[in-house]
Amino acid sequence: MYEVFRDIDSVKVGMIDGMLKESGIPTLLKNWTGANIIEVPIPSLYPTVYVLNGSQVDEAKEQIKEFFEAAPEEKEEWKCPKCGETVDGYLSECWACQSSKE
């Protein structure tokens, strides 16, 4: 096992784990809830992503680097076809009536 990512924020760790798994890199999560058990942050207890195959470590680290360096994607607002509300571009359903974007 090879550590490729560690962070106090389990959301980030979960996103990285999912991204790597989707690209075909087998991973293992450790300390998933470790950072939540004490008030003082201890880095050795942070949630951590491990890659199981040593030959995929560089690929995993490169994907993680690209993920964090990527510019945020801007999405245009859209008008709900059912109720006419303006909806943030990141949403696929209307916040007011739950109708689908298309």
PDB file of N, CA and C in Angstrom:
ATOM      1  N   MET A   1       0.847  -1.189   0.000  1.00  0.00           N
ATOM      2  CA  MET A   1       0.000   0.000   0.000  1.00  0.00           C
ATOM      3  C   MET A   1       0.882   1.237   0.000  1.00  0.00           C
ATOM      4  N   TYR A   2       0.410   2.254  -0.737  1.00  0.00           N
ATOM      5  CA  TYR A   2       1.186   3.472  -0.889  1.00  0.00           C
ATOM      6  C   TYR A   2       0.282   4.670  -0.667  1.00  0.00           C
ATOM      7  N   GLU A   3       0.629   5.502   0.308  1.00  0.00           N
ATOM      8  CA  GLU A   3      -0.172   6.689   0.592  1.00  0.00           C
ATOM      9  C   GLU A   3      -0.029   7.699  -0.532  1.00  0.00           C
ATOM     10  N   VAL A   4      -1.188   8.201  -1.021  1.00  0.00           N
ATOM     11  CA  VAL A   4      -1.161   9.210  -2.078  1.00  0.00           C
ATOM     12  C   VAL A   4      -1.884  10.500  -1.697  1.00  0.00           C
ATOM     13  N   PHE A   5      -2.747  10.458  -0.675  1.00  0.00           N
ATOM     14  CA  PHE A   5      -3.463  11.677  -0.300  1.00  0.00           C
ATOM     15  C   PHE A   5      -3.953  11.570   1.137  1.00  0.00           C
ATOM     16  N   ARG A   6      -3.773  12.679   1.884  1.00  0.00           N
ATOM     17  CA  ARG A   6      -4.225  12.745   3.281  1.00  0.00           C
ATOM     18  C   ARG A   6      -4.737  14.162   3.530  1.00  0.00           C
ATOM     19  N   ASP A   7      -5.885  14.271   4.194  1.00  0.00           N
ATOM     20  CA  ASP A   7      -6.454  15.586   4.485  1.00  0.00           C
ATOM     21  C   ASP A   7      -7.413  15.452   5.655  1.00  0.00           C
ATOM     22  N   ILE A   8      -7.553  16.510   6.431  1.00  0.00           N
ATOM     23  CA  ILE A   8      -8.494  16.487   7.552  1.00  0.00           C
ATOM     24  C   ILE A   8      -9.947  16.451   7.055  1.00  0.00           C
ATOM     25  N   ASP A   9     -10.161  16.960   5.847  1.00  0.00           N
ATOM     26  CA  ASP A   9     -11.501  17.038   5.262  1.00  0.00           C
ATOM     27  C   ASP A   9     -11.858  15.709   4.578  1.00  0.00           C
ATOM     28  N   SER A  10     -12.743  14.948   5.196  1.00  0.00           N
ATOM     29  CA  SER A  10     -13.105  13.637   4.649  1.00  0.00           C
ATOM     30  C   SER A  10     -13.847  13.758   3.312  1.00  0.00           C
ATOM     31  N   VAL A  11     -14.447  14.911   3.031  1.00  0.00           N
ATOM     32  CA  VAL A  11     -15.114  15.112   1.738  1.00  0.00           C
ATOM     33  C   VAL A  11     -14.078  15.093   0.619  1.00  0.00           C
ATOM     34  N   LYS A  12     -12.978  15.827   0.809  1.00  0.00           N
ATOM     35  CA  LYS A  12     -11.902  15.822  -0.192  1.00  0.00           C
ATOM     36  C   LYS A  12     -11.341  14.418  -0.372  1.00  0.00           C
ATOM     37  N   VAL A  13     -11.106  13.745   0.736  1.00  0.00           N
ATOM     38  CA  VAL A  13     -10.538  12.397   0.681  1.00  0.00           C
ATOM     39  C   VAL A  13     -11.486  11.462  -0.067  1.00  0.00           C
ATOM     40  N   GLY A  14     -12.773  11.561   0.206  1.00  0.00           N
ATOM     41  CA  GLY A  14     -13.755  10.734  -0.488  1.00  0.00           C
ATOM     42  C   GLY A  14     -13.812  11.026  -1.976  1.00  0.00           C
ATOM     43  N   MET A  15     -13.703  12.311  -2.347  1.00  0.00           N
ATOM     44  CA  MET A  15     -13.706  12.673  -3.773  1.00  0.00           C
ATOM     45  C   MET A  15     -12.486  12.101  -4.480  1.00  0.00           C
ATOM     46  N   ILE A  16     -11.328  12.216  -3.846  1.00  0.00           N
ATOM     47  CA  ILE A  16     -10.101  11.692  -4.450  1.00  0.00           C
ATOM     48  C   ILE A  16     -10.182  10.178  -4.575  1.00  0.00           C
ATOM     49  N   ASP A  17     -10.668   9.518  -3.540  1.00  0.00           N
ATOM     50  CA  ASP A  17     -10.815   8.059  -3.580  1.00  0.00           C
ATOM     51  C   ASP A  17     -11.739   7.640  -4.724  1.00  0.00           C
ATOM     52  N   GLY A  18     -12.871   8.293  -4.848  1.00  0.00           N
ATOM     53  CA  GLY A  18     -13.824   7.975  -5.918  1.00  0.00           C
ATOM     54  C   GLY A  18     -13.248   8.231  -7.296  1.00  0.00           C
ATOM     55  N   MET A  19     -12.528   9.355  -7.445  1.00  0.00           N
ATOM     56  CA  MET A  19     -11.923   9.699  -8.721  1.00  0.00           C
ATOM     57  C   MET A  19     -10.908   8.636  -9.147  1.00  0.00           C
ATOM     58  N   LEU A  20     -10.072   8.207  -8.214  1.00  0.00           N
ATOM     59  CA  LEU A  20      -9.059   7.203  -8.536  1.00  0.00           C
ATOM     60  C   LEU A  20      -9.701   5.858  -8.879  1.00  0.00           C
ATOM     61  N   LYS A  21     -10.714   5.477  -8.109  1.00  0.00           N
ATOM     62  CA  LYS A  21     -11.398   4.206  -8.386  1.00  0.00           C
ATOM     63  C   LYS A  21     -12.060   4.228  -9.761  1.00  0.00           C
ATOM     64  N   GLU A  22     -12.677   5.363 -10.123  1.00  0.00           N
ATOM     65  CA  GLU A  22     -13.323   5.483 -11.431  1.00  0.00           C
ATOM     66  C   GLU A  22     -12.316   5.357 -12.567  1.00  0.00           C
ATOM     67  N   SER A  23     -11.075   5.757 -12.313  1.00  0.00           N
ATOM     68  CA  SER A  23     -10.062   5.665 -13.366  1.00  0.00           C
ATOM     69  C   SER A  23      -9.360   4.310 -13.364  1.00  0.00           C
ATOM     70  N   GLY A  24      -9.836   3.383 -12.528  1.00  0.00           N
ATOM     71  CA  GLY A  24      -9.298   2.028 -12.538  1.00  0.00           C
ATOM     72  C   GLY A  24      -8.142   1.795 -11.583  1.00  0.00           C
ATOM     73  N   ILE A  25      -7.916   2.702 -10.658  1.00  0.00           N
ATOM     74  CA  ILE A  25      -6.833   2.536  -9.688  1.00  0.00           C
ATOM     75  C   ILE A  25      -7.439   2.028  -8.372  1.00  0.00           C
ATOM     76  N   PRO A  26      -7.128   0.794  -7.972  1.00  0.00           N
ATOM     77  CA  PRO A  26      -7.656   0.269  -6.710  1.00  0.00           C
ATOM     78  C   PRO A  26      -7.079   1.029  -5.510  1.00  0.00           C
ATOM     79  N   THR A  27      -7.947   1.424  -4.590  1.00  0.00           N
ATOM     80  CA  THR A  27      -7.529   2.198  -3.423  1.00  0.00           C
ATOM     81  C   THR A  27      -8.069   1.581  -2.138  1.00  0.00           C
ATOM     82  N   LEU A  28      -7.532   2.085  -1.032  1.00  0.00           N
ATOM     83  CA  LEU A  28      -8.002   1.700   0.297  1.00  0.00           C
ATOM     84  C   LEU A  28      -8.050   2.964   1.138  1.00  0.00           C
ATOM     85  N   LEU A  29      -9.125   3.163   1.881  1.00  0.00           N
ATOM     86  CA  LEU A  29      -9.245   4.301   2.784  1.00  0.00           C
ATOM     87  C   LEU A  29      -8.862   3.863   4.191  1.00  0.00           C
ATOM     88  N   LYS A  30      -8.101   4.718   4.876  1.00  0.00           N
ATOM     89  CA  LYS A  30      -7.766   4.474   6.274  1.00  0.00           C
ATOM     90  C   LYS A  30      -8.096   5.724   7.069  1.00  0.00           C
ATOM     91  N   ASN A  31      -8.368   5.526   8.355  1.00  0.00           N
ATOM     92  CA  ASN A  31      -8.681   6.629   9.273  1.00  0.00           C
ATOM     93  C   ASN A  31      -9.874   7.454   8.812  1.00  0.00           C
ATOM     94  N   TRP A  32     -10.835   6.802   8.200  1.00  0.00           N
ATOM     95  CA  TRP A  32     -11.989   7.520   7.663  1.00  0.00           C
ATOM     96  C   TRP A  32     -12.663   8.390   8.716  1.00  0.00           C
ATOM     97  N   THR A  33     -12.728   7.927   9.955  1.00  0.00           N
ATOM     98  CA  THR A  33     -13.356   8.727  11.017  1.00  0.00           C
ATOM     99  C   THR A  33     -12.364   9.139  12.093  1.00  0.00           C
ATOM    100  N   GLY A  34     -11.097   8.870  11.898  1.00  0.00           N
ATOM    101  CA  GLY A  34     -10.080   9.148  12.915  1.00  0.00           C
ATOM    102  C   GLY A  34      -9.954  10.605  13.292  1.00  0.00           C
ATOM    103  N   ALA A  35     -10.067  11.517  12.348  1.00  0.00           N
ATOM    104  CA  ALA A  35      -9.898  12.942  12.640  1.00  0.00           C
ATOM    105  C   ALA A  35     -11.058  13.496  13.449  1.00  0.00           C
ATOM    106  N   ASN A  36     -12.154  12.779  13.517  1.00  0.00           N
ATOM    107  CA  ASN A  36     -13.343  13.277  14.215  1.00  0.00           C
ATOM    108  C   ASN A  36     -13.391  12.877  15.686  1.00  0.00           C
ATOM    109  N   ILE A  37     -12.440  12.079  16.159  1.00  0.00           N
ATOM    110  CA  ILE A  37     -12.558  11.556  17.516  1.00  0.00           C
ATOM    111  C   ILE A  37     -11.928  12.442  18.580  1.00  0.00           C
ATOM    112  N   ILE A  38     -11.129  13.417  18.163  1.00  0.00           N
ATOM    113  CA  ILE A  38     -10.504  14.315  19.134  1.00  0.00           C
ATOM    114  C   ILE A  38     -10.645  15.759  18.663  1.00  0.00           C
ATOM    115  N   GLU A  39     -10.460  16.698  19.590  1.00  0.00           N
ATOM    116  CA  GLU A  39     -10.601  18.109  19.248  1.00  0.00           C
ATOM    117  C   GLU A  39      -9.343  18.697  18.619  1.00  0.00           C
ATOM    118  N   VAL A  40      -8.187  18.170  18.984  1.00  0.00           N
ATOM    119  CA  VAL A  40      -6.921  18.674  18.454  1.00  0.00           C
ATOM    120  C   VAL A  40      -6.582  17.882  17.198  1.00  0.00           C
ATOM    121  N   PRO A  41      -6.387  18.560  16.059  1.00  0.00           N
ATOM    122  CA  PRO A  41      -6.074  17.824  14.833  1.00  0.00           C
ATOM    123  C   PRO A  41      -4.698  17.144  14.913  1.00  0.00           C
ATOM    124  N   ILE A  42      -4.676  15.872  14.596  1.00  0.00           N
ATOM    125  CA  ILE A  42      -3.435  15.105  14.568  1.00  0.00           C
ATOM    126  C   ILE A  42      -3.315  14.516  13.163  1.00  0.00           C
ATOM    127  N   PRO A  43      -2.375  15.027  12.359  1.00  0.00           N
ATOM    128  CA  PRO A  43      -2.264  14.588  10.967  1.00  0.00           C
ATOM    129  C   PRO A  43      -2.184  13.078  10.776  1.00  0.00           C
ATOM    130  N   SER A  44      -1.596  12.362  11.688  1.00  0.00           N
ATOM    131  CA  SER A  44      -1.500  10.906  11.513  1.00  0.00           C
ATOM    132  C   SER A  44      -2.866  10.226  11.604  1.00  0.00           C
ATOM    133  N   LEU A  45      -3.879  10.946  12.078  1.00  0.00           N
ATOM    134  CA  LEU A  45      -5.234  10.393  12.156  1.00  0.00           C
ATOM    135  C   LEU A  45      -6.144  10.900  11.042  1.00  0.00           C
ATOM    136  N   TYR A  46      -5.621  11.746  10.141  1.00  0.00           N
ATOM    137  CA  TYR A  46      -6.430  12.267   9.044  1.00  0.00           C
ATOM    138  C   TYR A  46      -6.844  11.139   8.107  1.00  0.00           C
ATOM    139  N   PRO A  47      -8.023  11.242   7.511  1.00  0.00           N
ATOM    140  CA  PRO A  47      -8.427  10.263   6.491  1.00  0.00           C
ATOM    141  C   PRO A  47      -7.380  10.226   5.373  1.00  0.00           C
ATOM    142  N   THR A  48      -7.072   9.019   4.921  1.00  0.00           N
ATOM    143  CA  THR A  48      -5.978   8.829   3.977  1.00  0.00           C
ATOM    144  C   THR A  48      -6.370   7.869   2.867  1.00  0.00           C
ATOM    145  N   VAL A  49      -5.934   8.182   1.641  1.00  0.00           N
ATOM    146  CA  VAL A  49      -6.146   7.305   0.488  1.00  0.00           C
ATOM    147  C   VAL A  49      -4.826   6.599   0.192  1.00  0.00           C
ATOM    148  N   TYR A  50      -4.908   5.282   0.087  1.00  0.00           N
ATOM    149  CA  TYR A  50      -3.754   4.468  -0.290  1.00  0.00           C
ATOM    150  C   TYR A  50      -4.040   3.805  -1.635  1.00  0.00           C
ATOM    151  N   VAL A  51      -3.012   3.727  -2.471  1.00  0.00           N
ATOM    152  CA  VAL A  51      -3.081   2.992  -3.729  1.00  0.00           C
ATOM    153  C   VAL A  51      -2.493   1.619  -3.459  1.00  0.00           C
ATOM    154  N   LEU A  52      -3.157   0.583  -3.936  1.00  0.00           N
ATOM    155  CA  LEU A  52      -2.727  -0.776  -3.646  1.00  0.00           C
ATOM    156  C   LEU A  52      -1.573  -1.253  -4.516  1.00  0.00           C
ATOM    157  N   ASN A  53      -1.470  -0.733  -5.729  1.00  0.00           N
ATOM    158  CA  ASN A  53      -0.462  -1.190  -6.673  1.00  0.00           C
ATOM    159  C   ASN A  53       0.618  -0.114  -6.836  1.00  0.00           C
ATOM    160  N   GLY A  54       1.843  -0.444  -6.479  1.00  0.00           N
ATOM    161  CA  GLY A  54       2.939   0.519  -6.545  1.00  0.00           C
ATOM    162  C   GLY A  54       3.169   1.099  -7.924  1.00  0.00           C
ATOM    163  N   SER A  55       2.846   0.341  -8.958  1.00  0.00           N
ATOM    164  CA  SER A  55       3.060   0.839 -10.322  1.00  0.00           C
ATOM    165  C   SER A  55       2.061   1.930 -10.701  1.00  0.00           C
ATOM    166  N   GLN A  56       1.031   2.155  -9.886  1.00  0.00           N
ATOM    167  CA  GLN A  56       0.017   3.163 -10.191  1.00  0.00           C
ATOM    168  C   GLN A  56       0.125   4.411  -9.319  1.00  0.00           C
ATOM    169  N   VAL A  57       1.137   4.456  -8.465  1.00  0.00           N
ATOM    170  CA  VAL A  57       1.297   5.591  -7.549  1.00  0.00           C
ATOM    171  C   VAL A  57       1.519   6.897  -8.306  1.00  0.00           C
ATOM    172  N   ASP A  58       2.422   6.913  -9.270  1.00  0.00           N
ATOM    173  CA  ASP A  58       2.703   8.141 -10.018  1.00  0.00           C
ATOM    174  C   ASP A  58       1.472   8.619 -10.774  1.00  0.00           C
ATOM    175  N   GLU A  59       0.748   7.682 -11.387  1.00  0.00           N
ATOM    176  CA  GLU A  59      -0.479   8.036 -12.106  1.00  0.00           C
ATOM    177  C   GLU A  59      -1.502   8.642 -11.148  1.00  0.00           C
ATOM    178  N   ALA A  60      -1.648   8.052  -9.962  1.00  0.00           N
ATOM    179  CA  ALA A  60      -2.601   8.557  -8.975  1.00  0.00           C
ATOM    180  C   ALA A  60      -2.214   9.965  -8.520  1.00  0.00           C
ATOM    181  N   LYS A  61      -0.944  10.165  -8.227  1.00  0.00           N
ATOM    182  CA  LYS A  61      -0.485  11.487  -7.784  1.00  0.00           C
ATOM    183  C   LYS A  61      -0.677  12.539  -8.873  1.00  0.00           C
ATOM    184  N   GLU A  62      -0.463  12.156 -10.116  1.00  0.00           N
ATOM    185  CA  GLU A  62      -0.658  13.088 -11.232  1.00  0.00           C
ATOM    186  C   GLU A  62      -2.132  13.469 -11.362  1.00  0.00           C
ATOM    187  N   GLN A  63      -3.029  12.500 -11.218  1.00  0.00           N
ATOM    188  CA  GLN A  63      -4.465  12.791 -11.285  1.00  0.00           C
ATOM    189  C   GLN A  63      -4.886  13.724 -10.156  1.00  0.00           C
ATOM    190  N   ILE A  64      -4.351  13.496  -8.963  1.00  0.00           N
ATOM    191  CA  ILE A  64      -4.682  14.346  -7.814  1.00  0.00           C
ATOM    192  C   ILE A  64      -4.179  15.764  -8.058  1.00  0.00           C
ATOM    193  N   LYS A  65      -2.960  15.892  -8.553  1.00  0.00           N
ATOM    194  CA  LYS A  65      -2.387  17.209  -8.849  1.00  0.00           C
ATOM    195  C   LYS A  65      -3.244  17.946  -9.881  1.00  0.00           C
ATOM    196  N   GLU A  66      -3.609  17.265 -10.961  1.00  0.00           N
ATOM    197  CA  GLU A  66      -4.430  17.882 -12.002  1.00  0.00           C
ATOM    198  C   GLU A  66      -5.791  18.296 -11.465  1.00  0.00           C
ATOM    199  N   PHE A  67      -6.367  17.469 -10.592  1.00  0.00           N
ATOM    200  CA  PHE A  67      -7.671  17.772 -10.003  1.00  0.00           C
ATOM    201  C   PHE A  67      -7.629  19.091  -9.238  1.00  0.00           C
ATOM    202  N   PHE A  68      -6.607  19.286  -8.414  1.00  0.00           N
ATOM    203  CA  PHE A  68      -6.528  20.489  -7.595  1.00  0.00           C
ATOM    204  C   PHE A  68      -6.047  21.715  -8.368  1.00  0.00           C
ATOM    205  N   GLU A  69      -5.371  21.510  -9.478  1.00  0.00           N
ATOM    206  CA  GLU A  69      -4.897  22.637 -10.278  1.00  0.00           C
ATOM    207  C   GLU A  69      -5.907  23.091 -11.330  1.00  0.00           C
ATOM    208  N   ALA A  70      -6.912  22.294 -11.592  1.00  0.00           N
ATOM    209  CA  ALA A  70      -7.898  22.620 -12.632  1.00  0.00           C
ATOM    210  C   ALA A  70      -8.692  23.874 -12.245  1.00  0.00           C
ATOM    211  N   ALA A  71      -8.914  24.718 -13.231  1.00  0.00           N
ATOM    212  CA  ALA A  71      -9.717  25.923 -13.011  1.00  0.00           C
ATOM    213  C   ALA A  71     -11.180  25.519 -12.820  1.00  0.00           C
ATOM    214  N   PRO A  72     -11.897  26.210 -11.941  1.00  0.00           N
ATOM    215  CA  PRO A  72     -13.312  25.887 -11.751  1.00  0.00           C
ATOM    216  C   PRO A  72     -14.103  26.097 -13.044  1.00  0.00           C
ATOM    217  N   GLU A  73     -15.003  25.204 -13.289  1.00  0.00           N
ATOM    218  CA  GLU A  73     -15.822  25.280 -14.500  1.00  0.00           C
ATOM    219  C   GLU A  73     -17.006  26.211 -14.248  1.00  0.00           C
ATOM    220  N   GLU A  74     -17.183  27.165 -15.142  1.00  0.00           N
ATOM    221  CA  GLU A  74     -18.310  28.091 -15.032  1.00  0.00           C
ATOM    222  C   GLU A  74     -19.497  27.543 -15.830  1.00  0.00           C
ATOM    223  N   LYS A  75     -20.660  27.525 -15.209  1.00  0.00           N
ATOM    224  CA  LYS A  75     -21.866  27.058 -15.895  1.00  0.00           C
ATOM    225  C   LYS A  75     -22.922  28.157 -15.832  1.00  0.00           C
ATOM    226  N   GLU A  76     -23.536  28.406 -16.973  1.00  0.00           N
ATOM    227  CA  GLU A  76     -24.552  29.460 -17.062  1.00  0.00           C
ATOM    228  C   GLU A  76     -25.828  29.085 -16.315  1.00  0.00           C
ATOM    229  N   GLU A  77     -26.463  30.128 -15.756  1.00  0.00           N
ATOM    230  CA  GLU A  77     -27.771  29.916 -15.145  1.00  0.00           C
ATOM    231  C   GLU A  77     -28.757  29.512 -16.236  1.00  0.00           C
ATOM    232  N   TRP A  78     -29.836  28.838 -15.857  1.00  0.00           N
ATOM    233  CA  TRP A  78     -30.852  28.445 -16.817  1.00  0.00           C
ATOM    234  C   TRP A  78     -32.220  28.744 -16.238  1.00  0.00           C
ATOM    235  N   LYS A  79     -33.183  28.890 -17.126  1.00  0.00           N
ATOM    236  CA  LYS A  79     -34.558  29.193 -16.715  1.00  0.00           C
ATOM    237  C   LYS A  79     -35.367  27.910 -16.725  1.00  0.00           C
ATOM    238  N   CYS A  80     -36.068  27.651 -15.628  1.00  0.00           N
ATOM    239  CA  CYS A  80     -36.871  26.435 -15.494  1.00  0.00           C
ATOM    240  C   CYS A  80     -38.011  26.453 -16.525  1.00  0.00           C
ATOM    241  N   PRO A  81     -38.137  25.385 -17.326  1.00  0.00           N
ATOM    242  CA  PRO A  81     -39.194  25.338 -18.331  1.00  0.00           C
ATOM    243  C   PRO A  81     -40.601  25.224 -17.722  1.00  0.00           C
ATOM    244  N   LYS A  82     -40.677  24.783 -16.465  1.00  0.00           N
ATOM    245  CA  LYS A  82     -41.985  24.591 -15.837  1.00  0.00           C
ATOM    246  C   LYS A  82     -42.473  25.835 -15.082  1.00  0.00           C
ATOM    247  N   CYS A  83     -41.585  26.388 -14.216  1.00  0.00           N
ATOM    248  CA  CYS A  83     -42.047  27.503 -13.380  1.00  0.00           C
ATOM    249  C   CYS A  83     -41.400  28.840 -13.720  1.00  0.00           C
ATOM    250  N   GLY A  84     -40.373  28.837 -14.567  1.00  0.00           N
ATOM    251  CA  GLY A  84     -39.749  30.075 -15.001  1.00  0.00           C
ATOM    252  C   GLY A  84     -38.686  30.643 -14.065  1.00  0.00           C
ATOM    253  N   GLU A  85     -38.374  29.954 -12.970  1.00  0.00           N
ATOM    254  CA  GLU A  85     -37.355  30.435 -12.039  1.00  0.00           C
ATOM    255  C   GLU A  85     -35.968  30.361 -12.667  1.00  0.00           C
ATOM    256  N   THR A  86     -35.095  31.263 -12.260  1.00  0.00           N
ATOM    257  CA  THR A  86     -33.702  31.216 -12.679  1.00  0.00           C
ATOM    258  C   THR A  86     -32.964  30.287 -11.725  1.00  0.00           C
ATOM    259  N   VAL A  87     -32.200  29.343 -12.316  1.00  0.00           N
ATOM    260  CA  VAL A  87     -31.543  28.299 -11.518  1.00  0.00           C
ATOM    261  C   VAL A  87     -30.045  28.339 -11.780  1.00  0.00           C
ATOM    262  N   ASP A  88     -29.263  28.151 -10.737  1.00  0.00           N
ATOM    263  CA  ASP A  88     -27.813  28.104 -10.849  1.00  0.00           C
ATOM    264  C   ASP A  88     -27.401  27.026 -11.847  1.00  0.00           C
ATOM    265  N   GLY A  89     -26.387  27.309 -12.658  1.00  0.00           N
ATOM    266  CA  GLY A  89     -25.949  26.389 -13.703  1.00  0.00           C
ATOM    267  C   GLY A  89     -25.446  25.051 -13.207  1.00  0.00           C
ATOM    268  N   TYR A  90     -25.048  24.957 -11.962  1.00  0.00           N
ATOM    269  CA  TYR A  90     -24.538  23.703 -11.411  1.00  0.00           C
ATOM    270  C   TYR A  90     -25.657  22.741 -11.026  1.00  0.00           C
ATOM    271  N   LEU A  91     -26.873  23.245 -10.949  1.00  0.00           N
ATOM    272  CA  LEU A  91     -28.003  22.400 -10.568  1.00  0.00           C
ATOM    273  C   LEU A  91     -28.655  21.787 -11.794  1.00  0.00           C
ATOM    274  N   SER A  92     -29.079  20.534 -11.681  1.00  0.00           N
ATOM    275  CA  SER A  92     -29.750  19.866 -12.797  1.00  0.00           C
ATOM    276  C   SER A  92     -31.265  19.858 -12.613  1.00  0.00           C
ATOM    277  N   GLU A  93     -31.717  20.290 -11.416  1.00  0.00           N
ATOM    278  CA  GLU A  93     -33.146  20.391 -11.129  1.00  0.00           C
ATOM    279  C   GLU A  93     -33.437  21.785 -10.607  1.00  0.00           C
ATOM    280  N   CYS A  94     -34.633  22.251 -10.867  1.00  0.00           N
ATOM    281  CA  CYS A  94     -35.079  23.554 -10.386  1.00  0.00           C
ATOM    282  C   CYS A  94     -35.183  23.511  -8.865  1.00  0.00           C
ATOM    283  N   TRP A  95     -34.642  24.535  -8.204  1.00  0.00           N
ATOM    284  CA  TRP A  95     -34.704  24.588  -6.750  1.00  0.00           C
ATOM    285  C   TRP A  95     -36.130  24.848  -6.261  1.00  0.00           C
ATOM    286  N   ALA A  96     -36.965  25.451  -7.090  1.00  0.00           N
ATOM    287  CA  ALA A  96     -38.321  25.820  -6.673  1.00  0.00           C
ATOM    288  C   ALA A  96     -39.349  24.706  -6.887  1.00  0.00           C
ATOM    289  N   CYS A  97     -39.272  24.028  -8.039  1.00  0.00           N
ATOM    290  CA  CYS A  97     -40.321  23.032  -8.329  1.00  0.00           C
ATOM    291  C   CYS A  97     -39.763  21.621  -8.606  1.00  0.00           C
ATOM    292  N   GLN A  98     -38.455  21.465  -8.521  1.00  0.00           N
ATOM    293  CA  GLN A  98     -37.766  20.180  -8.711  1.00  0.00           C
ATOM    294  C   GLN A  98     -37.908  19.604 -10.121  1.00  0.00           C
ATOM    295  N   SER A  99     -38.273  20.433 -11.078  1.00  0.00           N
ATOM    296  CA  SER A  99     -38.340  19.963 -12.464  1.00  0.00           C
ATOM    297  C   SER A  99     -36.923  19.818 -13.011  1.00  0.00           C
ATOM    298  N   SER A 100     -36.767  18.884 -13.919  1.00  0.00           N
ATOM    299  CA  SER A 100     -35.482  18.627 -14.541  1.00  0.00           C
ATOM    300  C   SER A 100     -35.105  19.761 -15.487  1.00  0.00           C
ATOM    301  N   LYS A 101     -33.813  19.956 -15.674  1.00  0.00           N
ATOM    302  CA  LYS A 101     -33.312  21.014 -16.550  1.00  0.00           C
ATOM    303  C   LYS A 101     -33.832  20.859 -17.971  1.00  0.00           C
ATOM    304  N   GLU A 102     -33.881  19.623 -18.447  1.00  0.00           N
ATOM    305  CA  GLU A 102     -34.349  19.392 -19.823  1.00  0.00           C
ATOM    306  C   GLU A 102     -35.452  18.370 -19.854  1.00  0.00           C
TER     307      GLU A 102
END
